[in-house]
Amino acid sequence: MSTRKSIRSLGSVLSKAPKVLQPKKLRRYSWLPDVLTIEGSVVPLLSVVVGLILVFRNGTSYDRYYEGRRDFGVLTSHARNIARNTWIQVNVPPGPPSNQVSSNQGGISGLSSFLKPAPSQTEVQITEAARLRREKIRFMRLVISFCYAVMHHLRDEPGTDYEDYKSVLPDGFEHFVSVLGVDRTTMSNRFRTHAPLGEDAPTTPAAENGRPNHSTRIRVQSGHAAPTENTALLSDDHTTVEFHPYSTSASMPLPLIIAHEMTRMLYRWKLRGYIDPVGPAGLNAVTTTISAMVEQLTHMERVATTPIPISYGIHLKQCVSLYLFTLPFTLINDMKWRMVPVVTVVAFTLMGIEGIANEIEMPFGKDKSDLPLHKFCAAIRSEIEYIMERLPEGMDDDVDPFANVDVAGIR
């Protein structure tokens, strides 16, 4: 009898359908059903927030990229203008008429028997014009060097030990820069926390993965500790001693030193009367152009030394990760296994947008997606060298580039 009762009870249990526990009943024992149950209106709301953040992030990065390209384009325009104006407007002033020169020389004809004959006015002008031409070529090379110096300065590459400087910098300029003290520290170290006098300021890595690192922005004036009377001339770490005219080792960016030298050359030309034939407007135009070139350097420094806040990037990654985590729970009931490729494509799209923004936010590096500053500088160099080699100066009246042109064929 006991066996029959057990079989009957087992059959009655198997015949009954298993009951599925509802979430309402599970709430009595755990809070997980409420967490894992995501309403359909939550994810669309989160997608709107993520979309707005991604659009703002991508727009901000492209604005930085476009601003860098625009500023370097304006610098290119200024370099072309100052090269053309200098080559044409800076000339030896015309001498006095020939009859006046002959009358002045006739008054001293009695002394010509025992005095060395003075050079004629024409010979003086030719010699002075040749010297001025060499100075103008030096000035034009400084314009080219300024563009290359801006490129290396924005890439945190201090000093002058680069291939593109060897045939561009004027003769003797490297020694001039070494005496003055060119900035051989990276731009990120110049914009760092100030240290007490006589102590080294904390350093930061110059670049990570080939891209400039501009995490700090406070500028210092000296980069090394000043020597004292107790400093040994020779120690275990030093085998030579360099003497400089200054007691402290201060530094200055190379583009500013080049701009200073260009302004000095203009001032000397003004004192010699080389810019007087075009009037005060010529000097003002060239000086304003140099100031505009320095201003564009400052604008590009602002882009390079103002990174997007790291907290903003972290918050964006968190929002995208949260959205991608909740998206499968809203699609599983409707799409089943097809949810996997859909979520994969959405994740690839959102992460790709964020990656593009991170790639273009610093446009002055050496990556393929960065601005080709080398090509821009090479174009400026070829144009200015063409002016120096083939185009006539302002006083070359005997050079006519249209002498062999058929005027009858011109409408």
Protein backbone atom coordinates (compact mmCIF):
# COMPACT_ATOMS: atom_id res chain seq x y z
CA MET A 1 0.00 0.00 0.00
CA SER A 2 2.78 2.40 0.82
CA THR A 3 4.37 1.85 -2.59
CA ARG A 4 1.12 2.60 -4.42
CA LYS A 5 0.60 5.81 -2.47
CA SER A 6 4.10 7.03 -3.26
CA ILE A 7 3.64 6.33 -6.97
CA ARG A 8 0.31 8.15 -7.01
CA SER A 9 1.75 11.17 -5.23
CA LEU A 10 4.69 11.26 -7.66
CA GLY A 11 2.36 11.10 -10.65
CA SER A 12 0.23 13.87 -9.29
CA VAL A 13 3.30 16.06 -8.85
CA LEU A 14 4.59 15.39 -12.38
CA SER A 15 1.20 16.00 -13.90
CA LYS A 16 1.08 19.51 -12.49
CA ALA A 17 2.78 22.25 -14.63
CA PRO A 18 5.67 24.06 -12.95
CA LYS A 19 4.83 27.55 -11.81
CA VAL A 20 6.97 30.45 -13.03
CA LEU A 21 7.92 32.89 -10.32
CA GLN A 22 6.76 36.38 -11.11
CA PRO A 23 8.87 39.48 -10.38
CA LYS A 24 6.24 40.69 -7.96
CA LYS A 25 6.74 37.60 -5.81
CA LEU A 26 10.54 37.82 -6.12
CA ARG A 27 10.51 41.33 -4.67
CA ARG A 28 9.72 39.77 -1.30
CA TYR A 29 13.10 38.09 -1.26
CA SER A 30 15.53 40.22 -3.35
CA TRP A 31 15.94 43.66 -5.03
CA LEU A 32 17.57 42.24 -8.20
CA PRO A 33 14.35 42.05 -10.25
CA ASP A 34 13.85 45.78 -9.87
CA VAL A 35 17.42 46.52 -10.94
CA LEU A 36 17.52 44.20 -13.96
CA THR A 37 14.11 45.32 -15.22
CA ILE A 38 14.78 48.42 -17.37
CA GLU A 39 11.87 50.36 -18.72
CA GLY A 40 11.84 51.21 -22.42
CA SER A 41 11.89 54.99 -21.83
CA VAL A 42 15.16 55.06 -19.86
CA VAL A 43 17.57 54.10 -22.64
CA PRO A 44 16.25 56.65 -25.20
CA LEU A 45 16.66 59.36 -22.61
CA LEU A 46 20.22 58.23 -21.89
CA SER A 47 20.97 58.03 -25.62
CA VAL A 48 20.01 61.70 -26.03
CA VAL A 49 22.42 62.70 -23.26
CA VAL A 50 25.25 60.60 -24.72
CA GLY A 51 24.62 62.02 -28.19
CA LEU A 52 24.80 65.61 -26.96
CA ILE A 53 28.02 64.95 -25.07
CA LEU A 54 29.63 63.25 -28.08
CA VAL A 55 28.62 66.07 -30.42
CA PHE A 56 30.07 68.67 -28.05
CA ARG A 57 33.26 66.64 -27.59
CA ASN A 58 33.79 66.12 -31.30
CA GLY A 59 32.95 69.75 -32.11
CA THR A 60 35.38 71.07 -29.52
CA SER A 61 38.21 68.89 -30.83
CA TYR A 62 37.60 69.90 -34.44
CA ASP A 63 37.47 73.57 -33.44
CA ARG A 64 40.96 73.18 -31.98
CA TYR A 65 42.12 71.42 -35.15
CA TYR A 66 40.62 74.09 -37.39
CA GLU A 67 41.97 76.92 -35.25
CA GLY A 68 45.47 75.48 -35.47
CA ARG A 69 45.23 75.24 -39.25
CA ARG A 70 43.81 78.74 -39.53
CA ASP A 71 46.51 80.28 -37.33
CA PHE A 72 49.31 78.61 -39.28
CA GLY A 73 47.66 79.72 -42.51
CA VAL A 74 47.65 83.31 -41.29
CA LEU A 75 51.32 82.92 -40.33
CA THR A 76 52.04 81.71 -43.89
CA SER A 77 50.30 84.79 -45.30
CA HIS A 78 52.35 87.11 -43.08
CA ALA A 79 55.59 85.36 -44.10
CA ARG A 80 54.77 85.85 -47.78
CA ASN A 81 53.88 89.52 -47.30
CA ILE A 82 56.95 90.44 -45.28
CA ALA A 83 59.25 88.63 -47.74
CA ARG A 84 57.76 90.45 -50.73
CA ASN A 85 57.69 93.87 -49.06
CA THR A 86 61.25 93.55 -47.78
CA TRP A 87 62.64 92.40 -51.12
CA ILE A 88 61.06 95.31 -52.98
CA GLN A 89 60.80 98.25 -50.57
CA VAL A 90 64.17 98.06 -48.78
CA ASN A 91 66.72 99.67 -51.13
CA VAL A 92 69.69 102.00 -51.17
CA PRO A 93 68.42 105.60 -51.44
CA PRO A 94 69.17 107.26 -54.79
CA GLY A 95 72.28 109.47 -54.82
CA PRO A 96 72.59 113.11 -55.90
CA PRO A 97 72.51 114.02 -59.61
CA SER A 98 75.66 113.45 -61.67
CA ASN A 99 76.30 117.20 -62.29
CA GLN A 100 76.25 117.86 -58.54
CA VAL A 101 78.70 115.04 -57.93
CA SER A 102 81.08 116.36 -60.63
CA SER A 103 80.98 119.90 -59.20
CA ASN A 104 81.79 118.64 -55.73
CA GLN A 105 84.70 116.64 -57.05
CA GLY A 106 86.03 119.63 -59.03
CA GLY A 107 86.65 121.59 -55.85
CA ILE A 108 89.27 119.16 -54.71
CA SER A 109 90.94 118.56 -58.10
CA GLY A 110 94.08 120.30 -56.87
CA LEU A 111 94.54 117.68 -54.16
CA SER A 112 94.11 114.73 -56.50
CA SER A 113 97.85 114.73 -57.30
CA PHE A 114 98.87 113.47 -53.86
CA LEU A 115 95.60 112.05 -52.47
CA LYS A 116 94.15 108.65 -53.37
CA PRO A 117 91.22 109.22 -55.72
CA ALA A 118 87.91 108.80 -53.91
CA PRO A 119 85.49 106.26 -55.30
CA SER A 120 82.72 107.61 -57.42
CA GLN A 121 79.14 107.86 -56.21
CA THR A 122 78.15 104.99 -58.46
CA GLU A 123 80.81 102.69 -57.02
CA VAL A 124 79.69 103.54 -53.48
CA GLN A 125 76.10 102.78 -54.32
CA ILE A 126 77.02 99.49 -55.96
CA THR A 127 79.04 98.40 -52.92
CA GLU A 128 76.30 99.48 -50.55
CA ALA A 129 73.65 97.75 -52.65
CA ALA A 130 75.63 94.50 -52.59
CA ARG A 131 75.94 94.68 -48.82
CA LEU A 132 72.23 95.45 -48.47
CA ARG A 133 71.36 92.51 -50.69
CA ARG A 134 73.29 90.18 -48.38
CA GLU A 135 71.45 91.62 -45.39
CA LYS A 136 68.11 91.19 -47.14
CA ILE A 137 68.92 87.55 -47.89
CA ARG A 138 69.78 87.12 -44.20
CA PHE A 139 66.45 88.69 -43.28
CA MET A 140 64.55 86.40 -45.65
CA ARG A 141 66.27 83.37 -44.16
CA LEU A 142 65.19 84.56 -40.73
CA VAL A 143 61.60 84.62 -41.98
CA ILE A 144 61.93 80.98 -43.08
CA SER A 145 63.63 80.08 -39.80
CA PHE A 146 60.78 81.68 -37.86
CA CYS A 147 58.25 79.33 -39.48
CA TYR A 148 60.41 76.25 -38.75
CA ALA A 149 61.02 77.49 -35.20
CA VAL A 150 57.27 77.82 -34.62
CA MET A 151 56.77 74.24 -35.82
CA HIS A 152 59.45 72.83 -33.48
CA HIS A 153 58.26 75.01 -30.61
CA LEU A 154 54.69 73.72 -30.88
CA ARG A 155 55.99 70.14 -30.97
CA ASP A 156 58.07 70.58 -27.80
CA GLU A 157 61.35 70.26 -29.70
CA PRO A 158 63.72 72.87 -28.24
CA GLY A 159 67.13 73.82 -29.56
CA THR A 160 68.51 74.13 -33.09
CA ASP A 161 69.88 70.62 -33.67
CA TYR A 162 67.55 69.69 -36.52
CA GLU A 163 68.09 69.03 -40.20
CA ASP A 164 65.75 71.75 -41.44
CA TYR A 165 67.77 74.42 -39.59
CA LYS A 166 71.14 73.61 -41.18
CA SER A 167 70.54 75.28 -44.54
CA VAL A 168 68.07 77.90 -43.31
CA LEU A 169 69.57 79.66 -40.31
CA PRO A 170 71.93 82.50 -41.33
CA ASP A 171 75.66 82.09 -40.81
CA GLY A 172 76.69 82.80 -37.23
CA PHE A 173 73.14 82.83 -35.91
CA GLU A 174 73.55 79.59 -33.97
CA HIS A 175 76.47 81.09 -32.03
CA PHE A 176 74.42 84.22 -31.45
CA VAL A 177 71.58 82.09 -30.07
CA SER A 178 73.90 80.05 -27.85
CA VAL A 179 75.30 83.20 -26.27
CA LEU A 180 71.84 84.64 -25.60
CA GLY A 181 70.51 81.35 -24.27
CA VAL A 182 67.99 79.66 -26.51
CA ASP A 183 65.14 77.81 -24.86
CA ARG A 184 66.37 74.20 -24.68
CA THR A 185 63.60 73.14 -22.31
CA THR A 186 60.28 71.86 -23.58
CA MET A 187 57.27 74.14 -23.71
CA SER A 188 55.50 72.06 -21.07
CA ASN A 189 58.44 72.62 -18.69
CA ARG A 190 58.37 76.38 -19.30
CA PHE A 191 54.69 76.46 -18.31
CA ARG A 192 55.17 74.62 -15.04
CA THR A 193 54.93 75.33 -11.35
CA HIS A 194 57.36 78.01 -10.15
CA ALA A 195 60.17 76.85 -7.89
CA PRO A 196 62.09 78.96 -5.34
CA LEU A 197 65.13 80.82 -6.60
CA GLY A 198 68.14 78.55 -6.85
CA GLU A 199 66.08 75.33 -6.96
CA ASP A 200 64.98 73.26 -9.92
CA ALA A 201 61.30 73.30 -10.73
CA PRO A 202 59.55 69.94 -11.00
CA THR A 203 59.79 68.54 -14.48
CA THR A 204 57.12 66.82 -16.52
CA PRO A 205 57.57 64.38 -19.38
CA ALA A 206 58.06 66.16 -22.70
CA ALA A 207 55.84 63.92 -24.77
CA GLU A 208 53.86 60.74 -24.55
CA ASN A 209 53.40 58.52 -27.60
CA GLY A 210 54.89 61.19 -29.85
CA ARG A 211 52.38 63.86 -28.83
CA PRO A 212 53.20 66.99 -26.81
CA ASN A 213 52.28 67.01 -23.14
CA HIS A 214 51.05 70.40 -21.92
CA SER A 215 49.58 69.61 -18.54
CA THR A 216 50.97 72.62 -16.68
CA ARG A 217 50.75 76.25 -17.69
CA ILE A 218 52.69 78.43 -15.24
CA ARG A 219 55.83 79.86 -16.79
CA VAL A 220 59.23 80.12 -15.11
CA GLN A 221 62.13 82.32 -16.10
CA SER A 222 65.10 80.11 -15.32
CA GLY A 223 65.44 76.44 -15.96
CA HIS A 224 68.56 75.52 -13.93
CA ALA A 225 70.06 76.31 -10.58
CA ALA A 226 72.46 79.25 -10.59
CA PRO A 227 76.10 78.43 -9.76
CA THR A 228 77.52 79.75 -6.52
CA GLU A 229 81.04 80.57 -5.33
CA ASN A 230 81.34 77.07 -3.87
CA THR A 231 80.49 75.31 -7.15
CA ALA A 232 83.46 73.28 -8.37
CA LEU A 233 84.78 74.08 -11.81
CA LEU A 234 85.48 70.41 -12.55
CA SER A 235 83.60 67.54 -10.99
CA ASP A 236 82.91 63.90 -11.72
CA ASP A 237 80.00 64.78 -14.02
CA HIS A 238 81.68 67.61 -15.92
CA THR A 239 84.86 67.61 -17.95
CA THR A 240 84.61 71.06 -19.57
CA VAL A 241 83.62 74.52 -18.41
CA GLU A 242 81.63 76.96 -20.55
CA PHE A 243 81.82 80.66 -19.78
CA HIS A 244 78.83 82.86 -20.59
CA PRO A 245 78.31 86.60 -20.23
CA TYR A 246 75.39 86.07 -17.83
CA SER A 247 75.51 84.59 -14.36
CA THR A 248 72.15 82.83 -14.61
CA SER A 249 70.92 80.52 -17.36
CA ALA A 250 67.67 82.06 -18.55
CA SER A 251 65.93 80.90 -21.70
CA MET A 252 63.64 82.25 -24.38
CA PRO A 253 61.75 80.53 -27.21
CA LEU A 254 63.64 80.53 -30.49
CA PRO A 255 60.81 82.16 -32.51
CA LEU A 256 60.89 85.21 -30.23
CA ILE A 257 64.68 85.51 -30.60
CA ILE A 258 64.30 85.39 -34.39
CA ALA A 259 61.55 88.03 -34.29
CA HIS A 260 63.79 90.22 -32.13
CA GLU A 261 66.65 89.96 -34.62
CA MET A 262 64.32 90.77 -37.53
CA THR A 263 63.11 93.90 -35.74
CA ARG A 264 66.73 94.96 -35.06
CA MET A 265 67.57 94.65 -38.74
CA LEU A 266 64.60 96.82 -39.66
CA TYR A 267 65.70 99.45 -37.16
CA ARG A 268 69.23 99.50 -38.62
CA TRP A 269 67.83 99.86 -42.13
CA LYS A 270 65.70 102.76 -40.94
CA LEU A 271 68.75 104.54 -39.48
CA ARG A 272 70.69 104.06 -42.74
CA GLY A 273 67.80 105.38 -44.80
CA TYR A 274 67.06 102.15 -46.66
CA ILE A 275 63.33 102.32 -45.89
CA ASP A 276 62.93 106.10 -46.26
CA PRO A 277 62.05 106.07 -50.01
CA VAL A 278 58.70 104.38 -49.29
CA GLY A 279 57.92 106.63 -46.33
CA PRO A 280 56.84 105.76 -42.77
CA ALA A 281 54.09 103.48 -44.04
CA GLY A 282 56.63 100.94 -45.31
CA LEU A 283 58.35 100.56 -41.94
CA ASN A 284 55.03 100.44 -40.12
CA ALA A 285 53.73 97.73 -42.45
CA VAL A 286 56.76 95.48 -42.01
CA THR A 287 56.88 96.02 -38.24
CA THR A 288 53.17 95.29 -37.94
CA THR A 289 53.66 92.08 -39.91
CA ILE A 290 56.35 90.88 -37.50
CA SER A 291 54.05 91.66 -34.57
CA ALA A 292 51.26 89.73 -36.31
CA MET A 293 53.56 86.72 -36.75
CA VAL A 294 54.31 86.72 -33.03
CA GLU A 295 50.60 87.06 -32.33
CA GLN A 296 49.84 83.96 -34.40
CA LEU A 297 52.53 82.10 -32.44
CA THR A 298 50.72 83.08 -29.24
CA HIS A 299 47.40 81.84 -30.63
CA MET A 300 48.89 78.46 -31.52
CA GLU A 301 50.52 78.26 -28.08
CA ARG A 302 47.07 78.75 -26.58
CA VAL A 303 45.78 75.73 -28.51
CA ALA A 304 48.82 73.61 -27.60
CA THR A 305 48.90 74.50 -23.89
CA THR A 306 45.15 74.31 -23.19
CA PRO A 307 44.15 70.64 -23.23
CA ILE A 308 40.58 69.46 -22.77
CA PRO A 309 40.00 68.81 -19.03
CA ILE A 310 40.61 65.21 -18.09
CA SER A 311 37.45 65.12 -15.96
CA TYR A 312 35.39 65.84 -19.06
CA GLY A 313 36.91 62.91 -20.92
CA ILE A 314 36.40 60.56 -17.96
CA HIS A 315 32.75 61.54 -17.63
CA LEU A 316 32.18 61.00 -21.35
CA LYS A 317 33.68 57.50 -21.22
CA GLN A 318 31.53 56.65 -18.20
CA CYS A 319 28.34 57.79 -19.91
CA VAL A 320 29.11 55.85 -23.09
CA SER A 321 30.00 52.71 -21.11
CA LEU A 322 26.79 52.96 -19.07
CA TYR A 323 24.70 53.35 -22.21
CA LEU A 324 26.34 50.38 -23.91
CA PHE A 325 25.83 48.30 -20.76
CA THR A 326 22.09 48.98 -20.55
CA LEU A 327 21.39 48.72 -24.28
CA PRO A 328 21.36 44.86 -24.50
CA PHE A 329 18.72 44.56 -21.74
CA THR A 330 16.29 46.69 -23.74
CA LEU A 331 16.82 44.84 -27.04
CA ILE A 332 16.94 41.23 -25.88
CA ASN A 333 13.15 40.71 -25.78
CA ASP A 334 12.53 42.10 -29.25
CA MET A 335 15.65 41.06 -31.18
CA LYS A 336 16.80 37.94 -29.34
CA TRP A 337 20.22 36.84 -30.64
CA ARG A 338 20.22 39.57 -33.31
CA MET A 339 20.87 41.98 -30.47
CA VAL A 340 24.59 41.01 -30.43
CA PRO A 341 25.64 42.46 -33.84
CA VAL A 342 23.42 45.52 -33.32
CA VAL A 343 25.05 46.39 -30.00
CA THR A 344 28.48 45.74 -31.52
CA VAL A 345 27.87 48.23 -34.33
CA VAL A 346 26.52 50.83 -31.91
CA ALA A 347 29.54 50.41 -29.63
CA PHE A 348 31.94 50.70 -32.59
CA THR A 349 30.23 53.91 -33.73
CA LEU A 350 30.17 55.64 -30.34
CA MET A 351 33.70 54.61 -29.37
CA GLY A 352 34.95 55.63 -32.82
CA ILE A 353 33.54 59.14 -32.46
CA GLU A 354 35.22 59.54 -29.10
CA GLY A 355 38.49 58.17 -30.50
CA ILE A 356 38.44 60.61 -33.43
CA ALA A 357 37.92 63.52 -31.06
CA ASN A 358 40.84 62.37 -28.95
CA GLU A 359 43.04 62.05 -32.07
CA ILE A 360 42.49 65.55 -33.51
CA GLU A 361 42.39 67.63 -30.33
CA MET A 362 46.18 68.27 -30.51
CA PRO A 363 46.85 69.22 -34.16
CA PHE A 364 50.58 70.01 -33.93
CA GLY A 365 51.98 66.52 -33.42
CA LYS A 366 53.60 64.07 -35.85
CA ASP A 367 50.77 61.60 -36.32
CA LYS A 368 49.17 61.03 -39.70
CA SER A 369 46.00 62.78 -38.58
CA ASP A 370 47.87 65.89 -37.38
CA LEU A 371 48.59 68.97 -39.44
CA PRO A 372 51.47 68.51 -41.94
CA LEU A 373 53.51 71.41 -40.62
CA HIS A 374 56.63 70.19 -42.43
CA LYS A 375 54.89 70.57 -45.80
CA PHE A 376 53.65 74.04 -44.91
CA CYS A 377 57.14 75.19 -43.90
CA ALA A 378 58.68 73.61 -47.00
CA ALA A 379 56.20 75.51 -49.19
CA ILE A 380 57.09 78.81 -47.49
CA ARG A 381 60.78 78.07 -47.96
CA SER A 382 60.45 77.30 -51.67
CA GLU A 383 58.43 80.47 -52.29
CA ILE A 384 60.87 82.77 -50.48
CA GLU A 385 63.89 81.15 -52.14
CA TYR A 386 62.20 81.69 -55.50
CA ILE A 387 61.89 85.41 -54.66
CA MET A 388 65.58 85.64 -53.72
CA GLU A 389 66.82 83.76 -56.79
CA ARG A 390 64.60 84.93 -59.64
CA LEU A 391 62.49 88.00 -58.87
CA PRO A 392 64.02 91.47 -59.19
CA GLU A 393 64.43 93.92 -56.34
CA GLY A 394 62.77 97.31 -56.18
CA MET A 395 65.71 99.25 -57.71
CA ASP A 396 66.36 96.80 -60.55
CA ASP A 397 65.11 99.05 -63.32
CA ASP A 398 67.01 97.15 -66.00
CA VAL A 399 65.19 93.87 -65.21
CA ASP A 400 61.88 93.52 -67.01
CA PRO A 401 60.18 90.13 -66.52
CA PHE A 402 57.78 90.91 -69.40
CA ALA A 403 60.41 91.97 -71.93
CA ASN A 404 59.88 88.91 -74.12
CA VAL A 405 56.09 88.84 -73.89
CA ASP A 406 54.11 89.46 -77.06
CA VAL A 407 52.10 92.51 -76.10
CA ALA A 408 49.94 92.26 -79.21
CA GLY A 409 48.62 88.91 -78.06
CA ILE A 410 47.43 90.28 -74.72
CA ARG A 411 43.81 91.36 -74.67
